PDB file of N, CA and C in Angstrom:
ATOM      1  N   UNK A   1       0.644  -1.131  -0.080  1.00  0.00           N
ATOM      2  CA  UNK A   1      -0.146  -0.230   0.240  1.00  0.00           C
ATOM      3  C   UNK A   1       1.118   1.261  -0.102  1.00  0.00           C
ATOM      4  N   UNK A   2       0.596   2.402  -0.989  1.00  0.00           N
ATOM      5  CA  UNK A   2       1.223   3.569  -0.770  1.00  0.00           C
ATOM      6  C   UNK A   2       0.905   4.292   0.316  1.00  0.00           C
ATOM      7  N   UNK A   3       2.108   5.127   0.611  1.00  0.00           N
ATOM      8  CA  UNK A   3       2.027   5.987   1.647  1.00  0.00           C
ATOM      9  C   UNK A   3       1.336   7.190   1.126  1.00  0.00           C
ATOM     10  N   UNK A   4       0.519   7.604   2.154  1.00  0.00           N
ATOM     11  CA  UNK A   4      -0.619   8.949   1.564  1.00  0.00           C
ATOM     12  C   UNK A   4       0.586  10.278   1.554  1.00  0.00           C
ATOM     13  N   UNK A   5       0.217  11.123   0.828  1.00  0.00           N
ATOM     14  CA  UNK A   5       1.006  12.375   0.445  1.00  0.00           C
ATOM     15  C   UNK A   5       0.710  13.259   1.547  1.00  0.00           C
ATOM     16  N   UNK A   6       2.015  13.831   2.201  1.00  0.00           N
ATOM     17  CA  UNK A   6       1.967  15.177   3.328  1.00  0.00           C
ATOM     18  C   UNK A   6       1.190  16.061   2.839  1.00  0.00           C
ATOM     19  N   UNK A   7       0.356  17.057   3.883  1.00  0.00           N
ATOM     20  CA  UNK A   7      -0.177  18.059   3.437  1.00  0.00           C
ATOM     21  C   UNK A   7       0.924  19.131   2.941  1.00  0.00           C
ATOM     22  N   UNK A   8       0.318  19.742   1.770  1.00  0.00           N
ATOM     23  CA  UNK A   8       1.184  20.560   0.921  1.00  0.00           C
ATOM     24  C   UNK A   8       2.208  20.179  -0.045  1.00  0.00           C
ATOM     25  N   UNK A   9       2.120  18.630  -0.233  1.00  0.00           N
ATOM     26  CA  UNK A   9       2.851  18.026  -1.443  1.00  0.00           C
ATOM     27  C   UNK A   9       2.172  18.199  -2.865  1.00  0.00           C
ATOM     28  N   UNK A  10       2.922  18.535  -3.699  1.00  0.00           N
ATOM     29  CA  UNK A  10       2.401  18.761  -5.065  1.00  0.00           C
ATOM     30  C   UNK A  10       1.870  17.123  -5.344  1.00  0.00           C
ATOM     31  N   UNK A  11       0.581  17.086  -6.105  1.00  0.00           N
ATOM     32  CA  UNK A  11       0.115  15.923  -6.367  1.00  0.00           C
ATOM     33  C   UNK A  11       0.852  15.483  -7.742  1.00  0.00           C
ATOM     34  N   UNK A  12       0.762  14.137  -7.772  1.00  0.00           N
ATOM     35  CA  UNK A  12       1.670  13.497  -9.035  1.00  0.00           C
ATOM     36  C   UNK A  12       0.858  13.829 -10.066  1.00  0.00           C
ATOM     37  N   UNK A  13       1.207  13.759 -11.375  1.00  0.00           N
ATOM     38  CA  UNK A  13       0.784  14.203 -12.688  1.00  0.00           C
ATOM     39  C   UNK A  13      -0.352  12.690 -12.793  1.00  0.00           C
ATOM     40  N   UNK A  14      -1.329  13.170 -13.261  1.00  0.00           N
ATOM     41  CA  UNK A  14      -2.425  11.963 -13.514  1.00  0.00           C
ATOM     42  C   UNK A  14      -3.526  12.356 -14.570  1.00  0.00           C
ATOM     43  N   UNK A  15      -4.027  11.384 -15.262  1.00  0.00           N
ATOM     44  CA  UNK A  15      -5.203  11.759 -16.154  1.00  0.00           C
ATOM     45  C   UNK A  15      -6.146  10.999 -15.794  1.00  0.00           C
ATOM     46  N   UNK A  16      -7.418  11.651 -15.856  1.00  0.00           N
ATOM     47  CA  UNK A  16      -8.587  10.535 -15.450  1.00  0.00           C
ATOM     48  C   UNK A  16      -9.712  11.373 -16.530  1.00  0.00           C
ATOM     49  N   UNK A  17     -10.880  10.605 -16.705  1.00  0.00           N
ATOM     50  CA  UNK A  17     -11.809  10.854 -17.507  1.00  0.00           C
ATOM     51  C   UNK A  17     -12.771  11.709 -16.881  1.00  0.00           C
ATOM     52  N   UNK A  18     -13.284  13.070 -17.671  1.00  0.00           N
ATOM     53  CA  UNK A  18     -13.996  13.636 -17.012  1.00  0.00           C
ATOM     54  C   UNK A  18     -15.855  13.126 -17.084  1.00  0.00           C
ATOM     55  N   UNK A  19     -16.595  13.792 -16.623  1.00  0.00           N
ATOM     56  CA  UNK A  19     -17.901  13.221 -16.114  1.00  0.00           C
ATOM     57  C   UNK A  19     -18.494  13.046 -17.817  1.00  0.00           C
ATOM     58  N   UNK A  20     -17.955  13.815 -18.790  1.00  0.00           N
ATOM     59  CA  UNK A  20     -18.338  13.416 -20.103  1.00  0.00           C
ATOM     60  C   UNK A  20     -17.187  12.398 -20.822  1.00  0.00           C
ATOM     61  N   UNK A  21     -16.578  11.483 -20.114  1.00  0.00           N
ATOM     62  CA  UNK A  21     -15.578  11.066 -20.661  1.00  0.00           C
ATOM     63  C   UNK A  21     -14.470  11.432 -21.466  1.00  0.00           C
ATOM     64  N   UNK A  22     -14.147  12.414 -21.442  1.00  0.00           N
ATOM     65  CA  UNK A  22     -13.059  13.202 -22.207  1.00  0.00           C
ATOM     66  C   UNK A  22     -11.763  13.168 -21.212  1.00  0.00           C
ATOM     67  N   UNK A  23     -10.578  12.945 -21.570  1.00  0.00           N
ATOM     68  CA  UNK A  23      -9.485  12.888 -20.821  1.00  0.00           C
ATOM     69  C   UNK A  23      -9.079  14.301 -20.125  1.00  0.00           C
ATOM     70  N   UNK A  24      -8.723  14.249 -18.742  1.00  0.00           N
ATOM     71  CA  UNK A  24      -8.574  15.557 -18.147  1.00  0.00           C
ATOM     72  C   UNK A  24      -7.419  15.416 -17.246  1.00  0.00           C
ATOM     73  N   UNK A  25      -6.224  16.201 -17.617  1.00  0.00           N
ATOM     74  CA  UNK A  25      -4.697  15.985 -17.045  1.00  0.00           C
ATOM     75  C   UNK A  25      -4.741  16.928 -15.585  1.00  0.00           C
ATOM     76  N   UNK A  26      -4.130  16.466 -14.601  1.00  0.00           N
ATOM     77  CA  UNK A  26      -4.159  17.548 -13.404  1.00  0.00           C
ATOM     78  C   UNK A  26      -3.109  18.710 -13.924  1.00  0.00           C
ATOM     79  N   UNK A  27      -2.184  18.428 -15.168  1.00  0.00           N
ATOM     80  CA  UNK A  27      -1.297  19.718 -15.327  1.00  0.00           C
ATOM     81  C   UNK A  27      -2.135  20.914 -16.195  1.00  0.00           C
ATOM     82  N   UNK A  28      -3.415  20.130 -16.666  1.00  0.00           N
ATOM     83  CA  UNK A  28      -3.880  21.065 -17.074  1.00  0.00           C
ATOM     84  C   UNK A  28      -4.845  22.231 -16.484  1.00  0.00           C
ATOM     85  N   UNK A  29      -4.915  21.863 -15.287  1.00  0.00           N
ATOM     86  CA  UNK A  29      -5.727  22.640 -14.469  1.00  0.00           C
ATOM     87  C   UNK A  29      -4.672  23.385 -13.403  1.00  0.00           C
ATOM     88  N   UNK A  30      -3.675  23.120 -13.495  1.00  0.00           N
ATOM     89  CA  UNK A  30      -2.571  23.967 -12.706  1.00  0.00           C
ATOM     90  C   UNK A  30      -2.668  25.453 -13.010  1.00  0.00           C
ATOM     91  N   UNK A  31      -2.673  26.326 -12.203  1.00  0.00           N
ATOM     92  CA  UNK A  31      -2.257  27.566 -12.501  1.00  0.00           C
ATOM     93  C   UNK A  31      -3.739  28.436 -12.472  1.00  0.00           C
ATOM     94  N   UNK A  32      -4.643  27.658 -12.705  1.00  0.00           N
ATOM     95  CA  UNK A  32      -5.939  28.546 -12.686  1.00  0.00           C
ATOM     96  C   UNK A  32      -6.396  29.164 -11.468  1.00  0.00           C
ATOM     97  N   UNK A  33      -6.219  30.584 -11.630  1.00  0.00           N
ATOM     98  CA  UNK A  33      -6.552  31.452 -10.784  1.00  0.00           C
ATOM     99  C   UNK A  33      -7.546  31.191  -9.809  1.00  0.00           C
ATOM    100  N   UNK A  34      -7.638  31.252  -8.818  1.00  0.00           N
ATOM    101  CA  UNK A  34      -8.863  31.038  -7.792  1.00  0.00           C
ATOM    102  C   UNK A  34      -9.599  29.914  -7.742  1.00  0.00           C
ATOM    103  N   UNK A  35      -9.126  28.665  -8.325  1.00  0.00           N
ATOM    104  CA  UNK A  35      -9.640  27.445  -8.452  1.00  0.00           C
ATOM    105  C   UNK A  35      -8.877  26.526  -7.838  1.00  0.00           C
ATOM    106  N   UNK A  36      -9.674  25.713  -7.098  1.00  0.00           N
ATOM    107  CA  UNK A  36      -9.083  24.504  -6.454  1.00  0.00           C
ATOM    108  C   UNK A  36      -9.738  23.513  -7.344  1.00  0.00           C
ATOM    109  N   UNK A  37      -8.743  22.180  -7.279  1.00  0.00           N
ATOM    110  CA  UNK A  37      -9.026  20.885  -7.801  1.00  0.00           C
ATOM    111  C   UNK A  37      -9.272  19.809  -7.040  1.00  0.00           C
ATOM    112  N   UNK A  38     -10.302  19.463  -6.964  1.00  0.00           N
ATOM    113  CA  UNK A  38     -10.584  18.100  -5.829  1.00  0.00           C
ATOM    114  C   UNK A  38     -10.555  16.635  -6.474  1.00  0.00           C
ATOM    115  N   UNK A  39      -9.963  15.944  -6.143  1.00  0.00           N
ATOM    116  CA  UNK A  39      -9.753  14.578  -6.946  1.00  0.00           C
ATOM    117  C   UNK A  39     -10.600  13.511  -5.866  1.00  0.00           C
ATOM    118  N   UNK A  40     -11.641  13.108  -5.971  1.00  0.00           N
ATOM    119  CA  UNK A  40     -12.157  12.055  -5.152  1.00  0.00           C
ATOM    120  C   UNK A  40     -12.336  10.773  -5.759  1.00  0.00           C
ATOM    121  N   UNK A  41     -11.400   9.574  -4.896  1.00  0.00           N
ATOM    122  CA  UNK A  41     -11.714   8.397  -5.499  1.00  0.00           C
ATOM    123  C   UNK A  41     -12.383   7.761  -4.483  1.00  0.00           C
ATOM    124  N   UNK A  42     -13.322   6.640  -5.279  1.00  0.00           N
ATOM    125  CA  UNK A  42     -14.464   6.184  -4.292  1.00  0.00           C
ATOM    126  C   UNK A  42     -14.599   4.719  -4.777  1.00  0.00           C
ATOM    127  N   UNK A  43     -14.717   3.593  -3.901  1.00  0.00           N
ATOM    128  CA  UNK A  43     -14.903   2.495  -4.491  1.00  0.00           C
ATOM    129  C   UNK A  43     -16.044   2.401  -5.176  1.00  0.00           C
ATOM    130  N   UNK A  44     -16.154   1.268  -5.802  1.00  0.00           N
ATOM    131  CA  UNK A  44     -17.359   0.990  -6.361  1.00  0.00           C
ATOM    132  C   UNK A  44     -18.342   0.474  -5.689  1.00  0.00           C
ATOM    133  N   UNK A  45     -19.829   0.561  -6.000  1.00  0.00           N
ATOM    134  CA  UNK A  45     -20.744   0.704  -4.759  1.00  0.00           C
ATOM    135  C   UNK A  45     -20.773  -0.898  -4.486  1.00  0.00           C
ATOM    136  N   UNK A  46     -20.039  -1.954  -5.205  1.00  0.00           N
ATOM    137  CA  UNK A  46     -20.529  -3.070  -4.859  1.00  0.00           C
ATOM    138  C   UNK A  46     -19.114  -3.797  -4.250  1.00  0.00           C
ATOM    139  N   UNK A  47     -18.122  -3.035  -3.707  1.00  0.00           N
ATOM    140  CA  UNK A  47     -16.692  -3.538  -3.151  1.00  0.00           C
ATOM    141  C   UNK A  47     -17.522  -3.464  -1.580  1.00  0.00           C
ATOM    142  N   UNK A  48     -16.545  -3.944  -0.527  1.00  0.00           N
ATOM    143  CA  UNK A  48     -16.887  -4.049   0.711  1.00  0.00           C
ATOM    144  C   UNK A  48     -15.877  -3.133   1.313  1.00  0.00           C
ATOM    145  N   UNK A  49     -15.806  -2.028   0.820  1.00  0.00           N
ATOM    146  CA  UNK A  49     -14.851  -1.086   1.631  1.00  0.00           C
ATOM    147  C   UNK A  49     -15.956   0.112   2.459  1.00  0.00           C
TER     148      UNK A  49
END
């Protein structure tokens, strides 16, 4: 299991599909003035987590 990132650590680069299925990379969102980016990972609803 990977160690969690410390508070204030820059997130690693990643690309995920948007709600429309289009790829969105974290680097494309960096530098947006006044914007926060939240990436929320959740288990599938049939997993026992």
